[in-house]
Amino acid sequence: MPLDWRGSMPNAMFGVVVVGAGKFFPLVVVGVRGGLQTIPEHLYEAAKIDGAGPIARFWDVTLPQLRNVLVVIVLLRAIWDFKEFDLLYLLTGGGPVTSTQTLSLLVYQEAFGLNQMGQAAAYSVGMMLVMLIFMVVYIRRTGKEG
């Protein structure tokens, strides 16, 4: 019997996560690769002379140098994933039942499915406030680099 990828809970969420990860994979790869290319080689040489192995060089040289790039990527992904509507609506519609429903899908269903415009507007204002917090953090983080 074929596996119902979008009809049962663990499979539906797994499918959404896989497609969502594939959607932004190029951005993450380009960002991390660009960050890796900016790490000076002499830091690795100094760590190797000090006796650091490959794992220690990763934790002590690579990861601290990539911290700014990774923070920006994580913030952008959080902002974009918080407002994600099209991917979830097209893949699962928020189902099965409400297992893959997000706040943006709930706003859509409240406004256009149930005609509860006031409730949908209240959810939207809450979403806007959360997004405002993310944007302030993002702007402060990228402003420090410039």
Protein backbone atom coordinates (compact mmCIF):
# COMPACT_ATOMS: atom_id res chain seq x y z
CA MET A 1 0.00 0.00 0.00
CA PRO A 2 1.45 3.43 -0.90
CA LEU A 3 2.51 5.81 1.84
CA ASP A 4 0.14 8.74 2.31
CA TRP A 5 2.71 11.56 2.62
CA ARG A 6 0.24 14.37 3.21
CA GLY A 7 -2.63 12.55 4.87
CA SER A 8 -1.19 11.53 8.24
CA MET A 9 0.42 13.74 10.87
CA PRO A 10 4.08 12.73 11.06
CA ASN A 11 4.35 12.36 7.30
CA ALA A 12 2.62 15.66 6.55
CA MET A 13 4.90 17.64 8.86
CA PHE A 14 7.98 15.80 7.57
CA GLY A 15 6.99 16.62 3.99
CA VAL A 16 6.49 20.29 4.81
CA VAL A 17 9.87 20.47 6.58
CA VAL A 18 11.68 18.79 3.68
CA VAL A 19 10.12 21.07 1.06
CA GLY A 20 10.71 24.16 3.21
CA ALA A 21 14.34 23.23 3.76
CA GLY A 22 14.82 22.67 0.04
CA LYS A 23 13.23 26.02 -0.76
CA PHE A 24 15.86 28.04 1.11
CA PHE A 25 18.80 25.65 0.81
CA PRO A 26 20.55 27.71 -1.91
CA LEU A 27 20.43 30.88 0.22
CA VAL A 28 21.93 29.09 3.21
CA VAL A 29 24.67 27.48 1.11
CA VAL A 30 25.63 30.76 -0.56
CA GLY A 31 25.64 32.61 2.77
CA VAL A 32 27.72 30.01 4.60
CA ARG A 33 30.12 29.57 1.69
CA GLY A 34 30.63 33.32 1.48
CA GLY A 35 31.29 33.40 5.21
CA LEU A 36 33.76 30.53 4.95
CA GLN A 37 35.68 32.32 2.21
CA THR A 38 36.19 35.36 4.43
CA ILE A 39 37.92 33.42 7.22
CA PRO A 40 41.65 34.22 7.11
CA GLU A 41 43.86 31.19 6.51
CA HIS A 42 46.39 32.31 9.12
CA LEU A 43 43.82 31.59 11.87
CA TYR A 44 43.74 27.94 10.85
CA GLU A 45 47.53 27.84 10.63
CA ALA A 46 47.89 29.35 14.10
CA ALA A 47 45.40 26.88 15.54
CA LYS A 48 47.22 23.99 13.87
CA ILE A 49 50.57 25.20 15.29
CA ASP A 50 48.96 25.39 18.75
CA GLY A 51 48.01 21.73 18.40
CA ALA A 52 44.30 22.05 17.64
CA GLY A 53 42.77 19.12 15.79
CA PRO A 54 40.10 19.40 13.10
CA ILE A 55 37.21 19.43 15.58
CA ALA A 56 38.88 22.05 17.80
CA ARG A 57 39.63 24.20 14.74
CA PHE A 58 35.97 24.00 13.75
CA TRP A 59 34.70 25.01 17.22
CA ASP A 60 37.40 27.59 17.96
CA VAL A 61 38.02 29.16 14.54
CA THR A 62 35.31 28.38 12.00
CA LEU A 63 32.18 28.69 14.13
CA PRO A 64 33.09 32.00 15.82
CA GLN A 65 34.00 33.49 12.43
CA LEU A 66 30.66 32.34 10.95
CA ARG A 67 28.57 33.52 13.90
CA ASN A 68 27.42 36.78 12.28
CA VAL A 69 26.50 35.08 9.01
CA LEU A 70 24.64 32.29 10.79
CA VAL A 71 22.71 34.73 13.00
CA VAL A 72 21.54 36.71 9.97
CA ILE A 73 20.53 33.54 8.12
CA VAL A 74 18.64 32.19 11.13
CA LEU A 75 16.86 35.53 11.65
CA LEU A 76 15.86 35.76 7.99
CA ARG A 77 14.63 32.16 7.99
CA ALA A 78 12.64 32.78 11.18
CA ILE A 79 11.02 35.85 9.66
CA TRP A 80 10.20 34.09 6.40
CA ASP A 81 9.00 30.89 8.07
CA PHE A 82 6.79 32.78 10.50
CA LYS A 83 4.80 34.31 7.67
CA GLU A 84 4.88 31.17 5.46
CA PHE A 85 1.51 30.70 3.83
CA ASP A 86 1.78 29.49 0.25
CA LEU A 87 3.88 26.39 0.89
CA LEU A 88 1.63 25.09 3.66
CA TYR A 89 -1.59 26.00 1.89
CA LEU A 90 -0.56 24.26 -1.31
CA LEU A 91 0.94 21.17 0.32
CA THR A 92 -1.48 20.39 3.15
CA GLY A 93 -3.96 23.22 3.59
CA GLY A 94 -3.16 23.08 7.32
CA GLY A 95 -4.21 19.46 7.65
CA PRO A 96 -4.63 16.70 8.43
CA VAL A 97 -7.03 18.31 10.88
CA THR A 98 -4.81 21.19 12.18
CA SER A 99 -1.47 19.40 12.46
CA THR A 100 0.39 21.64 10.01
CA GLN A 101 -1.63 24.81 10.58
CA THR A 102 0.32 28.00 11.20
CA LEU A 103 -0.83 31.43 12.29
CA SER A 104 -0.93 32.73 8.72
CA LEU A 105 -3.16 29.83 7.66
CA LEU A 106 -5.37 30.45 10.70
CA VAL A 107 -5.75 34.10 9.70
CA TYR A 108 -6.75 33.06 6.18
CA GLN A 109 -9.25 30.47 7.40
CA GLU A 110 -10.76 32.85 9.97
CA ALA A 111 -11.10 35.69 7.47
CA PHE A 112 -12.22 33.91 4.32
CA GLY A 113 -13.43 30.53 5.51
CA LEU A 114 -15.38 31.54 8.60
CA ASN A 115 -15.90 35.24 7.74
CA GLN A 116 -14.56 36.29 11.16
CA MET A 117 -12.75 39.41 10.04
CA GLY A 118 -12.29 40.85 13.54
CA GLN A 119 -10.65 37.65 14.84
CA ALA A 120 -8.44 37.46 11.74
CA ALA A 121 -7.43 41.10 12.17
CA ALA A 122 -6.52 40.49 15.81
CA TYR A 123 -4.34 37.52 14.83
CA SER A 124 -2.73 39.64 12.11
CA VAL A 125 -1.87 42.43 14.53
CA GLY A 126 -0.27 39.86 16.86
CA MET A 127 1.73 38.50 13.93
CA MET A 128 2.81 42.02 13.03
CA LEU A 129 4.08 42.67 16.55
CA VAL A 130 6.11 39.46 16.59
CA MET A 131 7.51 40.27 13.15
CA LEU A 132 8.39 43.77 14.37
CA ILE A 133 10.47 42.26 17.17
CA PHE A 134 12.28 40.00 14.70
CA MET A 135 12.89 42.95 12.37
CA VAL A 136 14.30 45.15 15.14
CA VAL A 137 16.71 42.37 16.12
CA TYR A 138 17.66 41.85 12.46
CA ILE A 139 18.23 45.57 11.81
CA ARG A 140 20.31 45.97 14.97
CA ARG A 141 22.35 42.89 14.11
CA THR A 142 23.08 43.93 10.54
CA GLY A 143 23.61 47.56 11.57
CA LYS A 144 26.50 46.57 13.84
CA GLU A 145 28.29 44.91 10.92
CA GLY A 146 27.99 47.95 8.65
